[in-house]
Amino acid sequence: MTTENPIFGDEDTSYQAAGGIEGIQQLVNEFYDLMDSLPESEKIRSLHKKDLSDARKKLSYFLSGWLGGPKLYQEHIGSISIPGFHRKFNIGSAERDA
């Protein structure tokens, strides 16, 4: 019996490998928890609202579609231009690396 390895980026294989929306939400929660706790994230964290609930939801929705799953961001919020959205922030190499 042979088993084919999934090709990530093909259809929803990346979404499934991430654990679907539950896995993505866990990843996003860990990301924002680290942003709250790591000193090197202080500047980037200050660019966000105190309550991260909306940011967590929006990033989870965005990653769902980006990984080949349901396009939740577009369904619930609308279209987004990532470069356009981030253009208003002064993000340099140090912030990117943090």
C-alpha atoms as a PDB file:
ATOM      1  CA  MET A   1       0.000   0.000   0.000  1.00  0.00           C
ATOM      2  CA  THR A   2       1.425   3.392  -0.963  1.00  0.00           C
ATOM      3  CA  THR A   3       0.559   6.681   0.582  1.00  0.00           C
ATOM      4  CA  GLU A   4       1.106   9.875  -1.308  1.00  0.00           C
ATOM      5  CA  ASN A   5       2.530  12.826   0.563  1.00  0.00           C
ATOM      6  CA  PRO A   6       0.387  15.944   0.331  1.00  0.00           C
ATOM      7  CA  ILE A   7       1.747  18.873  -1.631  1.00  0.00           C
ATOM      8  CA  PHE A   8       1.477  21.927   0.567  1.00  0.00           C
ATOM      9  CA  GLY A   9      -0.097  24.894  -1.157  1.00  0.00           C
ATOM     10  CA  ASP A  10      -2.181  22.538  -3.323  1.00  0.00           C
ATOM     11  CA  GLU A  11      -5.916  23.050  -2.689  1.00  0.00           C
ATOM     12  CA  ASP A  12      -6.478  22.959   1.091  1.00  0.00           C
ATOM     13  CA  THR A  13      -3.524  20.758   2.125  1.00  0.00           C
ATOM     14  CA  SER A  14      -1.791  23.605   3.973  1.00  0.00           C
ATOM     15  CA  TYR A  15      -5.042  24.495   5.750  1.00  0.00           C
ATOM     16  CA  GLN A  16      -5.544  20.874   6.791  1.00  0.00           C
ATOM     17  CA  ALA A  17      -1.898  20.526   7.890  1.00  0.00           C
ATOM     18  CA  ALA A  18      -2.391  23.587  10.116  1.00  0.00           C
ATOM     19  CA  GLY A  19      -5.300  21.824  11.828  1.00  0.00           C
ATOM     20  CA  GLY A  20      -8.101  23.677  10.099  1.00  0.00           C
ATOM     21  CA  ILE A  21      -9.589  26.747  11.733  1.00  0.00           C
ATOM     22  CA  GLU A  22      -8.991  25.334  15.236  1.00  0.00           C
ATOM     23  CA  GLY A  23      -5.262  24.884  14.568  1.00  0.00           C
ATOM     24  CA  ILE A  24      -5.022  28.327  13.019  1.00  0.00           C
ATOM     25  CA  GLN A  25      -6.773  29.905  16.007  1.00  0.00           C
ATOM     26  CA  GLN A  26      -4.350  28.142  18.357  1.00  0.00           C
ATOM     27  CA  LEU A  27      -1.380  29.434  16.334  1.00  0.00           C
ATOM     28  CA  VAL A  28      -2.790  32.969  16.294  1.00  0.00           C
ATOM     29  CA  ASN A  29      -3.480  32.897  20.038  1.00  0.00           C
ATOM     30  CA  GLU A  30       0.072  31.739  20.754  1.00  0.00           C
ATOM     31  CA  PHE A  31       1.422  34.456  18.443  1.00  0.00           C
ATOM     32  CA  TYR A  32      -0.472  37.233  20.220  1.00  0.00           C
ATOM     33  CA  ASP A  33       0.303  35.760  23.652  1.00  0.00           C
ATOM     34  CA  LEU A  34       3.999  35.971  22.771  1.00  0.00           C
ATOM     35  CA  MET A  35       3.530  39.504  21.469  1.00  0.00           C
ATOM     36  CA  ASP A  36       2.086  40.401  24.877  1.00  0.00           C
ATOM     37  CA  SER A  37       4.982  38.861  26.793  1.00  0.00           C
ATOM     38  CA  LEU A  38       8.209  39.341  24.821  1.00  0.00           C
ATOM     39  CA  PRO A  39      10.076  42.616  25.377  1.00  0.00           C
ATOM     40  CA  GLU A  40      11.255  42.709  21.744  1.00  0.00           C
ATOM     41  CA  SER A  41       7.597  42.817  20.648  1.00  0.00           C
ATOM     42  CA  GLU A  42       6.785  45.923  22.677  1.00  0.00           C
ATOM     43  CA  LYS A  43       6.809  48.373  19.752  1.00  0.00           C
ATOM     44  CA  ILE A  44       4.710  46.154  17.490  1.00  0.00           C
ATOM     45  CA  ARG A  45       2.310  45.413  20.355  1.00  0.00           C
ATOM     46  CA  SER A  46       1.847  49.151  20.934  1.00  0.00           C
ATOM     47  CA  LEU A  47       0.499  49.473  17.375  1.00  0.00           C
ATOM     48  CA  HIS A  48      -2.452  47.254  18.333  1.00  0.00           C
ATOM     49  CA  LYS A  49      -5.487  47.989  20.463  1.00  0.00           C
ATOM     50  CA  LYS A  50      -5.331  46.926  24.107  1.00  0.00           C
ATOM     51  CA  ASP A  51      -7.978  44.254  23.462  1.00  0.00           C
ATOM     52  CA  LEU A  52      -6.621  41.843  20.849  1.00  0.00           C
ATOM     53  CA  SER A  53      -9.895  39.954  20.293  1.00  0.00           C
ATOM     54  CA  ASP A  54     -10.591  41.619  16.944  1.00  0.00           C
ATOM     55  CA  ALA A  55      -6.985  41.220  15.766  1.00  0.00           C
ATOM     56  CA  ARG A  56      -7.017  37.526  16.707  1.00  0.00           C
ATOM     57  CA  LYS A  57     -10.246  36.935  14.775  1.00  0.00           C
ATOM     58  CA  LYS A  58      -9.100  38.865  11.706  1.00  0.00           C
ATOM     59  CA  LEU A  59      -5.711  37.119  11.534  1.00  0.00           C
ATOM     60  CA  SER A  60      -7.362  33.697  11.960  1.00  0.00           C
ATOM     61  CA  TYR A  61      -9.834  34.525   9.202  1.00  0.00           C
ATOM     62  CA  PHE A  62      -7.067  35.808   6.911  1.00  0.00           C
ATOM     63  CA  LEU A  63      -4.826  32.770   7.466  1.00  0.00           C
ATOM     64  CA  SER A  64      -7.731  30.416   6.807  1.00  0.00           C
ATOM     65  CA  GLY A  65      -8.072  31.684   3.244  1.00  0.00           C
ATOM     66  CA  TRP A  66      -4.330  32.202   2.738  1.00  0.00           C
ATOM     67  CA  LEU A  67      -3.694  28.544   3.608  1.00  0.00           C
ATOM     68  CA  GLY A  68      -6.321  27.334   1.128  1.00  0.00           C
ATOM     69  CA  GLY A  69      -9.260  26.930   3.501  1.00  0.00           C
ATOM     70  CA  PRO A  70     -12.493  28.885   3.689  1.00  0.00           C
ATOM     71  CA  LYS A  71     -12.083  32.553   2.778  1.00  0.00           C
ATOM     72  CA  LEU A  72     -13.465  33.722   6.110  1.00  0.00           C
ATOM     73  CA  TYR A  73     -11.884  37.179   5.983  1.00  0.00           C
ATOM     74  CA  GLN A  74     -13.575  38.005   2.691  1.00  0.00           C
ATOM     75  CA  GLU A  75     -16.880  36.464   3.855  1.00  0.00           C
ATOM     76  CA  HIS A  76     -17.043  38.373   7.138  1.00  0.00           C
ATOM     77  CA  ILE A  77     -14.932  41.509   6.659  1.00  0.00           C
ATOM     78  CA  GLY A  78     -14.248  42.091   2.973  1.00  0.00           C
ATOM     79  CA  SER A  79     -11.156  42.366   0.830  1.00  0.00           C
ATOM     80  CA  ILE A  80      -7.734  43.311   2.177  1.00  0.00           C
ATOM     81  CA  SER A  81      -4.473  44.588   0.766  1.00  0.00           C
ATOM     82  CA  ILE A  82      -1.772  43.498   3.220  1.00  0.00           C
ATOM     83  CA  PRO A  83       0.813  46.049   1.987  1.00  0.00           C
ATOM     84  CA  GLY A  84      -1.818  48.769   1.945  1.00  0.00           C
ATOM     85  CA  PHE A  85      -3.014  47.925   5.449  1.00  0.00           C
ATOM     86  CA  HIS A  86       0.501  47.982   6.910  1.00  0.00           C
ATOM     87  CA  ARG A  87       1.647  51.087   5.017  1.00  0.00           C
ATOM     88  CA  LYS A  88       0.357  53.388   7.776  1.00  0.00           C
ATOM     89  CA  PHE A  89       2.731  51.813  10.315  1.00  0.00           C
ATOM     90  CA  ASN A  90       6.430  52.594  10.676  1.00  0.00           C
ATOM     91  CA  ILE A  91       7.756  49.047  10.540  1.00  0.00           C
ATOM     92  CA  GLY A  92      11.462  48.594   9.912  1.00  0.00           C
ATOM     93  CA  SER A  93      13.783  45.611  10.031  1.00  0.00           C
ATOM     94  CA  ALA A  94      13.871  45.486  13.850  1.00  0.00           C
ATOM     95  CA  GLU A  95      10.081  45.426  14.108  1.00  0.00           C
ATOM     96  CA  ARG A  96       9.799  42.844  11.349  1.00  0.00           C
ATOM     97  CA  ASP A  97      12.355  40.617  13.060  1.00  0.00           C
ATOM     98  CA  ALA A  98      10.653  40.964  16.445  1.00  0.00           C
END
